[in-house]
Every structure is written in C-alpha cells, then in structure tokens.
Amino acid sequence: MIAIHPLTPERWPDLEKLFGPRGACGGCWCMCWRLSSKDFRAASGEANRKAFAKIVKGGAVPGLLAYEGDGPVGWCAVAPREAYKRLETARTLKPIDDQPVWSVSCFFIRKGHRGKGLTVKLLEAAKKHVKQQGGTLLEGYPVVPKGDAVDTFAWNGLLGAFEKAGFEVAARPSAARAIVRFELAKKRRRS
C-alpha cells in the first residue's frame, strides 16, 4: 500500500534515506531547477543538500514523499513556478502565458519501484496538494522518449505518466519535451 505525504521537517530524514549519499542523482538534492545553471554546478553535493534542507526546515513544502510501509520509495517536487529560477531561463520551458502555475519539476523513484505506476500516484497527490494550497493550474515538463527511456533521464517524468494522470499537452517546445497542464479549477464563464 502506497501512502503519500508532504515533505515536512519531520520527514526530512526520510528524504535523505530515499535520496542516499548521492542526493538522488549526481548531488542534485532537488536544487537543479531552483538555482541558475552556474550556481547549481558550483553547489553540487553537500551544498545542495544543505540548501534544500534549509528550504524544508524553513517551513516550505517543496514536494511529496511516497511510502510503502514505513520506507520512502518516491519523490515528486511541486511548488509555484516562481520557486524554480532555472525555468525562467530555460529556452524551451519559458512560460507559455501569464497564468499563475504550480510546477511539477522532478521525480525520484527508488529502484525496484520504477515502472509500477508510482509517478501517476504522485501526480494525483500533487493535484490534491496544489488545490489545497489554492493553486488552480498545475504544469509539468516531461520528456518524450524516442524509445526506451533511461531512468536517469526521466527525472522530469515521462509524457505517458502525465497523460494517465489527466494532464494535457499545452505546448511542444521540442521533439523531446512537452509542457503539460492540468486545470484544478475550471474558470467560470461570465453570463
């Protein structure tokens, strides 16, 4: 049975356990989108871990942890788009309009739990979480693989998982990338 909870300061040790000494992938510690490219390269590893811990311990909820039993098995980063500095400078991921959006920026699924639908479950939980925070539009940036995707390159999620969770393609900035959206609150029509 999978349970999904917001990452709070009390759950920080669980994230450290899930990410392991490498910080999920190459010392990222889920800071890749939060820093400029230059700052991220300079902070890789322990500096990123400390920076992310500071965000969590400061009371922000930067994402959701999935558990099987007592153990953490998955992660989904979700926050208002403005929390992700690098999205603003990414040529292919610039805002497609001026609507305020929350962004699902990355996933980390423990080996042995991949390919079992956990990403879709995390996306469903992200929709509920963002709606509870007053968000009305959720956006993701999945890769569109040509063939079988290598795990390390699927950290933004795969298009198929987002589609299974009800997201729709809003833009195709490149052949390998989509911008997908899910409306959490339908706009009211004026009569």
Protein backbone atom coordinates (compact mmCIF):
# COMPACT_ATOMS: atom_id res chain seq x y z
CA MET A 1 0.00 0.00 0.00
CA ILE A 2 1.37 3.39 -1.02
CA ALA A 3 0.89 6.44 1.23
CA ILE A 4 1.90 9.93 0.10
CA HIS A 5 2.72 12.81 2.44
CA PRO A 6 4.04 16.38 2.10
CA LEU A 7 7.74 16.77 2.85
CA THR A 8 7.83 18.48 6.24
CA PRO A 9 10.83 18.99 8.55
CA GLU A 10 9.85 15.83 10.45
CA ARG A 11 10.07 13.81 7.24
CA TRP A 12 13.48 15.22 6.18
CA PRO A 13 15.36 12.06 7.37
CA ASP A 14 13.10 10.00 5.09
CA LEU A 15 14.08 12.12 2.09
CA GLU A 16 17.76 11.71 2.98
CA LYS A 17 17.21 7.95 3.16
CA LEU A 18 15.46 7.91 -0.22
CA PHE A 19 17.99 10.14 -1.97
CA GLY A 20 21.00 8.41 -0.41
CA PRO A 21 24.52 9.85 -0.30
CA ARG A 22 24.37 10.92 -3.96
CA GLY A 23 21.40 13.21 -3.38
CA ALA A 24 19.13 11.26 -5.76
CA CYS A 25 21.18 11.94 -8.88
CA GLY A 26 24.64 13.47 -9.08
CA GLY A 27 24.33 15.55 -5.91
CA CYS A 28 21.23 17.38 -7.10
CA TRP A 29 19.16 17.25 -3.89
CA CYS A 30 16.29 18.65 -5.96
CA MET A 31 18.02 22.00 -6.40
CA CYS A 32 18.56 21.84 -10.17
CA TRP A 33 15.54 23.98 -11.07
CA ARG A 34 15.86 26.23 -8.01
CA LEU A 35 19.28 27.64 -8.95
CA SER A 36 20.84 29.18 -12.03
CA SER A 37 22.89 26.72 -14.06
CA LYS A 38 26.12 28.31 -12.84
CA ASP A 39 25.08 28.28 -9.17
CA PHE A 40 23.88 24.70 -9.40
CA ARG A 41 27.18 23.44 -10.81
CA ALA A 42 29.06 25.27 -8.05
CA ALA A 43 26.84 23.84 -5.29
CA SER A 44 26.58 20.20 -6.32
CA GLY A 45 26.54 17.70 -3.49
CA GLU A 46 26.68 18.78 0.14
CA ALA A 47 25.96 22.45 -0.58
CA ASN A 48 22.77 21.45 -2.42
CA ARG A 49 21.75 19.15 0.44
CA LYS A 50 22.17 21.99 2.95
CA ALA A 51 20.28 24.45 0.71
CA PHE A 52 17.36 22.06 0.26
CA ALA A 53 17.30 21.20 3.97
CA LYS A 54 17.09 24.93 4.73
CA ILE A 55 14.03 25.25 2.43
CA VAL A 56 12.30 22.32 4.14
CA LYS A 57 13.25 23.32 7.68
CA GLY A 58 12.08 26.86 6.92
CA GLY A 59 8.53 25.55 6.62
CA ALA A 60 8.10 25.36 2.85
CA VAL A 61 6.64 22.14 1.46
CA PRO A 62 8.65 21.62 -1.74
CA GLY A 63 7.13 18.30 -2.66
CA LEU A 64 5.65 14.96 -1.72
CA LEU A 65 7.13 11.71 -0.43
CA ALA A 66 5.65 8.31 -1.27
CA TYR A 67 5.96 5.48 1.25
CA GLU A 68 5.48 1.76 1.04
CA GLY A 69 5.11 0.57 4.59
CA ASP A 70 7.47 2.69 6.67
CA GLY A 71 10.02 3.23 3.92
CA PRO A 72 10.23 6.11 1.45
CA VAL A 73 10.04 4.93 -2.16
CA GLY A 74 9.27 8.02 -4.24
CA TRP A 75 9.55 11.79 -4.50
CA CYS A 76 7.73 14.45 -6.52
CA ALA A 77 8.87 18.08 -6.43
CA VAL A 78 5.99 20.53 -6.72
CA ALA A 79 5.95 24.26 -6.00
CA PRO A 80 4.83 27.55 -7.53
CA ARG A 81 6.73 28.08 -10.77
CA GLU A 82 8.47 31.17 -9.40
CA ALA A 83 10.35 28.91 -6.93
CA TYR A 84 12.23 27.47 -9.92
CA LYS A 85 14.70 30.10 -11.09
CA ARG A 86 16.11 27.94 -13.87
CA LEU A 87 12.70 27.51 -15.53
CA GLU A 88 12.73 31.23 -16.27
CA THR A 89 15.97 30.92 -18.26
CA ALA A 90 15.36 27.56 -19.92
CA ARG A 91 14.88 28.30 -23.62
CA THR A 92 12.37 25.53 -24.18
CA LEU A 93 10.47 25.89 -20.89
CA LYS A 94 9.66 29.59 -20.78
CA PRO A 95 6.13 30.44 -19.61
CA ILE A 96 3.58 29.87 -22.35
CA ASP A 97 1.22 32.53 -20.96
CA ASP A 98 0.80 34.76 -17.92
CA GLN A 99 -1.36 32.39 -15.86
CA PRO A 100 -0.03 31.58 -12.37
CA VAL A 101 1.01 27.93 -12.32
CA TRP A 102 2.45 25.41 -9.93
CA SER A 103 5.16 23.22 -11.44
CA VAL A 104 5.96 19.55 -11.06
CA SER A 105 9.68 19.76 -11.71
CA CYS A 106 11.05 16.30 -10.95
CA PHE A 107 10.60 12.79 -9.63
CA PHE A 108 12.81 10.26 -7.95
CA ILE A 109 11.57 6.69 -7.67
CA ARG A 110 13.57 4.11 -5.73
CA LYS A 111 14.96 1.31 -7.87
CA GLY A 112 12.62 -1.67 -7.69
CA HIS A 113 9.58 0.63 -7.61
CA ARG A 114 10.00 2.10 -11.09
CA GLY A 115 7.60 1.18 -13.88
CA LYS A 116 4.79 0.34 -11.43
CA GLY A 117 2.64 3.49 -11.70
CA LEU A 118 4.12 5.36 -8.74
CA THR A 119 4.69 8.51 -10.80
CA VAL A 120 0.98 8.63 -11.66
CA LYS A 121 0.08 8.23 -7.98
CA LEU A 122 2.45 11.07 -7.09
CA LEU A 123 0.87 13.26 -9.78
CA GLU A 124 -2.61 12.56 -8.41
CA ALA A 125 -1.39 13.51 -4.93
CA ALA A 126 0.28 16.65 -6.35
CA LYS A 127 -3.05 17.75 -7.84
CA LYS A 128 -4.73 17.44 -4.44
CA HIS A 129 -1.86 19.18 -2.65
CA VAL A 130 -1.79 22.14 -5.04
CA LYS A 131 -5.56 22.53 -4.89
CA GLN A 132 -5.39 22.59 -1.06
CA GLN A 133 -2.81 25.38 -1.36
CA GLY A 134 -5.17 27.42 -3.54
CA GLY A 135 -3.45 26.67 -6.84
CA THR A 136 -5.63 26.43 -9.93
CA LEU A 137 -3.22 25.23 -12.63
CA LEU A 138 -0.56 22.53 -12.44
CA GLU A 139 2.15 22.23 -15.07
CA GLY A 140 4.82 19.62 -15.84
CA TYR A 141 7.75 19.28 -18.24
CA PRO A 142 8.01 15.62 -19.18
CA VAL A 143 10.41 14.13 -21.65
CA VAL A 144 9.05 12.47 -24.75
CA PRO A 145 11.32 9.46 -25.31
CA LYS A 146 12.09 8.18 -28.77
CA GLY A 147 12.39 4.63 -27.47
CA ASP A 148 13.00 3.10 -24.08
CA ALA A 149 13.88 5.90 -21.65
CA VAL A 150 16.93 5.54 -19.45
CA ASP A 151 15.94 6.04 -15.78
CA THR A 152 18.38 8.89 -15.15
CA PHE A 153 16.94 10.93 -17.99
CA ALA A 154 13.34 10.55 -16.85
CA TRP A 155 13.61 12.73 -13.74
CA ASN A 156 11.11 15.23 -15.19
CA GLY A 157 8.72 12.36 -15.75
CA LEU A 158 7.54 10.77 -18.96
CA LEU A 159 4.70 12.14 -21.06
CA GLY A 160 2.70 8.90 -20.73
CA ALA A 161 2.57 9.17 -16.93
CA PHE A 162 1.29 12.75 -17.09
CA GLU A 163 -1.34 11.75 -19.65
CA LYS A 164 -2.50 8.87 -17.44
CA ALA A 165 -2.94 11.44 -14.64
CA GLY A 166 -5.17 13.57 -16.88
CA PHE A 167 -2.67 16.23 -17.98
CA GLU A 168 -2.95 17.63 -21.50
CA VAL A 169 -0.18 18.86 -23.76
CA ALA A 170 -0.21 22.67 -23.74
CA ALA A 171 2.95 23.17 -25.81
CA ARG A 172 5.63 21.16 -27.61
CA PRO A 173 8.79 23.29 -27.38
CA SER A 174 10.89 20.47 -28.87
CA ALA A 175 10.55 16.93 -30.16
CA ALA A 176 11.90 15.60 -26.86
CA ARG A 177 9.96 17.82 -24.45
CA ALA A 178 6.34 18.72 -23.72
CA ILE A 179 4.73 21.25 -21.42
CA VAL A 180 1.62 19.67 -19.95
CA ARG A 181 -1.12 21.15 -17.80
CA PHE A 182 -3.94 20.12 -15.54
CA GLU A 183 -6.64 22.63 -14.60
CA LEU A 184 -7.52 22.26 -10.94
CA ALA A 185 -10.37 24.75 -11.03
CA LYS A 186 -12.44 25.40 -14.10
CA LYS A 187 -12.84 29.06 -14.94
CA ARG A 188 -16.33 30.38 -14.54
CA ARG A 189 -17.94 31.81 -17.61
CA ARG A 190 -19.48 35.21 -17.32
CA SER A 191 -23.12 35.39 -18.37
